[in-house]
Amino acid sequence: MESPATPRKIEVMASRFYQYLGWYELILYPLMLSGAALFFSGKALGGSILLLAALIQAMVYMVLWYKPGIGIWFRLSSLGLSFGLLGSVFYLLKMQSDFLFLGLGFIGLLSGFLLYFRKGSEQAYRGILYRTGLMLLWMLALGLVMSGIF
């Protein structure tokens, strides 16, 4: 029988993912930005690159959900990223629920963003905040493209 002080395997794995989060994102964010640039310039390959990198990012954030001490704002942001990713996939597949999932993702990311500022600025999470802002801009741009404004 385990003692209550022993962390679960998922918590240990989440702490390890958090420790190397900067390296994951060093690779994934340039892929996302180049995929977004290709996608918005009309290249079909760009959407695939963007969605693959975002899918890996969403999976990393969902594992970090189990890291002790992660706030609710981070959980909302990771949930928003996942819903926004689903909305993007549905948009590329020409499904009708793309606006719904993109909207839910935007609301999740915006809620996490606002909760971060309401609770106060924590220096350790400032990088995640910048990346959440980048995701908000990406989802807003995709929403504008979907609605035909941009």
C-alpha atoms as a PDB file:
ATOM      1  CA  MET A   1       0.000   0.000   0.000  1.00  0.00           C
ATOM      2  CA  GLU A   2       1.343   3.410  -0.959  1.00  0.00           C
ATOM      3  CA  SER A   3       1.736   6.196   1.522  1.00  0.00           C
ATOM      4  CA  PRO A   4      -0.327   9.347   0.857  1.00  0.00           C
ATOM      5  CA  ALA A   5       2.832  11.445   0.364  1.00  0.00           C
ATOM      6  CA  THR A   6       3.994   9.380  -2.638  1.00  0.00           C
ATOM      7  CA  PRO A   7       3.082  11.180  -5.880  1.00  0.00           C
ATOM      8  CA  ARG A   8       1.129   9.290  -8.520  1.00  0.00           C
ATOM      9  CA  LYS A   9       2.825   8.302 -11.775  1.00  0.00           C
ATOM     10  CA  ILE A  10       0.806  10.836 -13.771  1.00  0.00           C
ATOM     11  CA  GLU A  11       1.923  13.605 -11.388  1.00  0.00           C
ATOM     12  CA  VAL A  12       5.570  12.599 -11.793  1.00  0.00           C
ATOM     13  CA  MET A  13       5.156  12.518 -15.576  1.00  0.00           C
ATOM     14  CA  ALA A  14       3.401  15.913 -15.530  1.00  0.00           C
ATOM     15  CA  SER A  15       6.232  17.423 -13.478  1.00  0.00           C
ATOM     16  CA  ARG A  16       8.729  16.037 -15.981  1.00  0.00           C
ATOM     17  CA  PHE A  17       6.726  17.478 -18.901  1.00  0.00           C
ATOM     18  CA  TYR A  18       6.601  20.851 -17.122  1.00  0.00           C
ATOM     19  CA  GLN A  19      10.351  20.773 -16.596  1.00  0.00           C
ATOM     20  CA  TYR A  20      10.925  20.341 -20.348  1.00  0.00           C
ATOM     21  CA  LEU A  21       8.006  22.494 -21.523  1.00  0.00           C
ATOM     22  CA  GLY A  22      10.337  25.136 -22.928  1.00  0.00           C
ATOM     23  CA  TRP A  23      12.017  22.601 -25.208  1.00  0.00           C
ATOM     24  CA  TYR A  24       8.699  21.260 -26.474  1.00  0.00           C
ATOM     25  CA  GLU A  25       7.509  24.741 -27.252  1.00  0.00           C
ATOM     26  CA  LEU A  26      10.820  25.772 -28.806  1.00  0.00           C
ATOM     27  CA  ILE A  27      10.051  23.229 -31.521  1.00  0.00           C
ATOM     28  CA  LEU A  28       6.254  23.467 -31.659  1.00  0.00           C
ATOM     29  CA  TYR A  29       5.686  27.225 -31.850  1.00  0.00           C
ATOM     30  CA  PRO A  30       7.815  27.819 -34.950  1.00  0.00           C
ATOM     31  CA  LEU A  31       5.924  24.925 -36.563  1.00  0.00           C
ATOM     32  CA  MET A  32       2.598  26.499 -35.588  1.00  0.00           C
ATOM     33  CA  LEU A  33       3.593  29.933 -36.851  1.00  0.00           C
ATOM     34  CA  SER A  34       4.957  28.633 -40.156  1.00  0.00           C
ATOM     35  CA  GLY A  35       1.864  26.429 -40.563  1.00  0.00           C
ATOM     36  CA  ALA A  36      -0.403  29.403 -39.870  1.00  0.00           C
ATOM     37  CA  ALA A  37       1.492  31.543 -42.375  1.00  0.00           C
ATOM     38  CA  LEU A  38       1.194  28.832 -45.031  1.00  0.00           C
ATOM     39  CA  PHE A  39      -2.479  28.215 -44.196  1.00  0.00           C
ATOM     40  CA  PHE A  40      -3.483  31.875 -44.378  1.00  0.00           C
ATOM     41  CA  SER A  41      -1.579  32.279 -47.657  1.00  0.00           C
ATOM     42  CA  GLY A  42      -3.735  29.524 -49.164  1.00  0.00           C
ATOM     43  CA  LYS A  43      -1.468  26.478 -48.963  1.00  0.00           C
ATOM     44  CA  ALA A  44      -3.272  23.305 -47.812  1.00  0.00           C
ATOM     45  CA  LEU A  45      -0.078  21.906 -46.293  1.00  0.00           C
ATOM     46  CA  GLY A  46       0.008  24.770 -43.785  1.00  0.00           C
ATOM     47  CA  GLY A  47      -3.200  23.655 -42.089  1.00  0.00           C
ATOM     48  CA  SER A  48      -1.816  20.164 -41.563  1.00  0.00           C
ATOM     49  CA  ILE A  49       1.445  21.452 -40.064  1.00  0.00           C
ATOM     50  CA  LEU A  50      -0.415  23.902 -37.834  1.00  0.00           C
ATOM     51  CA  LEU A  51      -2.892  21.296 -36.585  1.00  0.00           C
ATOM     52  CA  LEU A  52      -0.238  18.661 -35.947  1.00  0.00           C
ATOM     53  CA  ALA A  53       1.856  21.044 -33.840  1.00  0.00           C
ATOM     54  CA  ALA A  54      -1.242  22.299 -32.012  1.00  0.00           C
ATOM     55  CA  LEU A  55      -2.367  18.730 -31.333  1.00  0.00           C
ATOM     56  CA  ILE A  56       0.981  17.889 -29.736  1.00  0.00           C
ATOM     57  CA  GLN A  57       0.801  21.139 -27.736  1.00  0.00           C
ATOM     58  CA  ALA A  58      -2.729  20.328 -26.526  1.00  0.00           C
ATOM     59  CA  MET A  59      -1.633  16.861 -25.433  1.00  0.00           C
ATOM     60  CA  VAL A  60       1.321  18.309 -23.505  1.00  0.00           C
ATOM     61  CA  TYR A  61      -0.981  20.826 -21.789  1.00  0.00           C
ATOM     62  CA  MET A  62      -3.513  18.115 -20.935  1.00  0.00           C
ATOM     63  CA  VAL A  63      -0.775  16.051 -19.235  1.00  0.00           C
ATOM     64  CA  LEU A  64       0.295  19.173 -17.318  1.00  0.00           C
ATOM     65  CA  TRP A  65      -3.255  19.327 -15.951  1.00  0.00           C
ATOM     66  CA  TYR A  66      -2.125  16.740 -13.357  1.00  0.00           C
ATOM     67  CA  LYS A  67       0.896  18.702 -12.147  1.00  0.00           C
ATOM     68  CA  PRO A  68       0.361  19.728  -8.526  1.00  0.00           C
ATOM     69  CA  GLY A  69       0.024  23.464  -8.129  1.00  0.00           C
ATOM     70  CA  ILE A  70      -1.259  24.234 -11.641  1.00  0.00           C
ATOM     71  CA  GLY A  71      -4.033  26.796 -11.366  1.00  0.00           C
ATOM     72  CA  ILE A  72      -7.541  26.773 -12.767  1.00  0.00           C
ATOM     73  CA  TRP A  73      -6.562  29.412 -15.327  1.00  0.00           C
ATOM     74  CA  PHE A  74      -4.084  26.986 -16.871  1.00  0.00           C
ATOM     75  CA  ARG A  75      -6.670  24.212 -16.953  1.00  0.00           C
ATOM     76  CA  LEU A  76      -9.152  26.510 -18.686  1.00  0.00           C
ATOM     77  CA  SER A  77      -6.478  27.505 -21.190  1.00  0.00           C
ATOM     78  CA  SER A  78      -5.615  23.900 -22.007  1.00  0.00           C
ATOM     79  CA  LEU A  79      -9.297  23.055 -22.381  1.00  0.00           C
ATOM     80  CA  GLY A  80      -9.771  26.097 -24.620  1.00  0.00           C
ATOM     81  CA  LEU A  81      -6.804  25.048 -26.739  1.00  0.00           C
ATOM     82  CA  SER A  82      -8.297  21.580 -27.169  1.00  0.00           C
ATOM     83  CA  PHE A  83     -11.731  22.893 -28.169  1.00  0.00           C
ATOM     84  CA  GLY A  84     -10.164  25.443 -30.515  1.00  0.00           C
ATOM     85  CA  LEU A  85      -8.138  22.687 -32.104  1.00  0.00           C
ATOM     86  CA  LEU A  86     -11.296  20.649 -32.650  1.00  0.00           C
ATOM     87  CA  GLY A  87     -12.952  23.699 -34.217  1.00  0.00           C
ATOM     88  CA  SER A  88      -9.988  24.099 -36.568  1.00  0.00           C
ATOM     89  CA  VAL A  89     -10.120  20.431 -37.570  1.00  0.00           C
ATOM     90  CA  PHE A  90     -13.871  20.673 -38.143  1.00  0.00           C
ATOM     91  CA  TYR A  91     -13.344  23.793 -40.261  1.00  0.00           C
ATOM     92  CA  LEU A  92     -10.855  21.972 -42.478  1.00  0.00           C
ATOM     93  CA  LEU A  93     -13.259  19.026 -42.757  1.00  0.00           C
ATOM     94  CA  LYS A  94     -16.097  21.438 -43.696  1.00  0.00           C
ATOM     95  CA  MET A  95     -18.282  20.341 -40.763  1.00  0.00           C
ATOM     96  CA  GLN A  96     -21.098  22.496 -39.400  1.00  0.00           C
ATOM     97  CA  SER A  97     -19.975  22.528 -35.756  1.00  0.00           C
ATOM     98  CA  ASP A  98     -16.715  24.357 -36.485  1.00  0.00           C
ATOM     99  CA  PHE A  99     -17.949  27.734 -35.193  1.00  0.00           C
ATOM    100  CA  LEU A 100     -19.283  26.167 -32.000  1.00  0.00           C
ATOM    101  CA  PHE A 101     -16.012  24.466 -31.083  1.00  0.00           C
ATOM    102  CA  LEU A 102     -13.900  27.438 -32.127  1.00  0.00           C
ATOM    103  CA  GLY A 103     -16.109  29.680 -29.988  1.00  0.00           C
ATOM    104  CA  LEU A 104     -15.826  27.327 -26.993  1.00  0.00           C
ATOM    105  CA  GLY A 105     -12.060  27.269 -27.433  1.00  0.00           C
ATOM    106  CA  PHE A 106     -11.888  31.054 -27.602  1.00  0.00           C
ATOM    107  CA  ILE A 107     -14.047  31.354 -24.471  1.00  0.00           C
ATOM    108  CA  GLY A 108     -11.856  28.838 -22.618  1.00  0.00           C
ATOM    109  CA  LEU A 109      -8.636  30.619 -23.568  1.00  0.00           C
ATOM    110  CA  LEU A 110     -10.081  34.052 -22.803  1.00  0.00           C
ATOM    111  CA  SER A 111     -11.397  32.840 -19.418  1.00  0.00           C
ATOM    112  CA  GLY A 112      -7.998  31.428 -18.517  1.00  0.00           C
ATOM    113  CA  PHE A 113      -6.359  34.672 -19.641  1.00  0.00           C
ATOM    114  CA  LEU A 114      -8.723  36.798 -17.508  1.00  0.00           C
ATOM    115  CA  LEU A 115      -8.404  34.526 -14.459  1.00  0.00           C
ATOM    116  CA  TYR A 116      -4.641  34.849 -14.682  1.00  0.00           C
ATOM    117  CA  PHE A 117      -4.876  38.634 -14.411  1.00  0.00           C
ATOM    118  CA  ARG A 118      -7.548  38.500 -11.715  1.00  0.00           C
ATOM    119  CA  LYS A 119      -5.410  36.284  -9.495  1.00  0.00           C
ATOM    120  CA  GLY A 120      -2.279  38.348 -10.009  1.00  0.00           C
ATOM    121  CA  SER A 121       0.817  38.098 -12.101  1.00  0.00           C
ATOM    122  CA  GLU A 122       3.035  35.150 -11.237  1.00  0.00           C
ATOM    123  CA  GLN A 123       6.476  35.430 -12.780  1.00  0.00           C
ATOM    124  CA  ALA A 124       6.876  31.659 -13.226  1.00  0.00           C
ATOM    125  CA  TYR A 125       3.837  31.463 -15.508  1.00  0.00           C
ATOM    126  CA  ARG A 126       4.479  34.569 -17.583  1.00  0.00           C
ATOM    127  CA  GLY A 127       5.752  32.537 -20.550  1.00  0.00           C
ATOM    128  CA  ILE A 128       2.597  30.426 -20.559  1.00  0.00           C
ATOM    129  CA  LEU A 129       0.568  33.632 -20.510  1.00  0.00           C
ATOM    130  CA  TYR A 130       2.345  34.918 -23.620  1.00  0.00           C
ATOM    131  CA  ARG A 131       1.740  31.625 -25.379  1.00  0.00           C
ATOM    132  CA  THR A 132      -1.935  31.719 -24.391  1.00  0.00           C
ATOM    133  CA  GLY A 133      -2.141  35.197 -25.916  1.00  0.00           C
ATOM    134  CA  LEU A 134      -0.613  33.846 -29.106  1.00  0.00           C
ATOM    135  CA  MET A 135      -3.231  31.075 -29.207  1.00  0.00           C
ATOM    136  CA  LEU A 136      -5.999  33.652 -28.700  1.00  0.00           C
ATOM    137  CA  LEU A 137      -4.725  35.650 -31.669  1.00  0.00           C
ATOM    138  CA  TRP A 138      -4.481  32.520 -33.811  1.00  0.00           C
ATOM    139  CA  MET A 139      -8.040  31.477 -32.952  1.00  0.00           C
ATOM    140  CA  LEU A 140      -9.337  34.992 -33.549  1.00  0.00           C
ATOM    141  CA  ALA A 141      -7.646  35.097 -36.966  1.00  0.00           C
ATOM    142  CA  LEU A 142      -9.061  31.682 -37.858  1.00  0.00           C
ATOM    143  CA  GLY A 143     -12.518  32.803 -36.743  1.00  0.00           C
ATOM    144  CA  LEU A 144     -12.251  35.893 -38.943  1.00  0.00           C
ATOM    145  CA  VAL A 145     -11.233  33.733 -41.910  1.00  0.00           C
ATOM    146  CA  MET A 146     -14.131  31.362 -41.246  1.00  0.00           C
ATOM    147  CA  SER A 147     -16.660  34.171 -41.073  1.00  0.00           C
ATOM    148  CA  GLY A 148     -15.379  35.660 -44.330  1.00  0.00           C
ATOM    149  CA  ILE A 149     -14.255  38.969 -42.839  1.00  0.00           C
ATOM    150  CA  PHE A 150     -10.514  38.374 -43.321  1.00  0.00           C
END
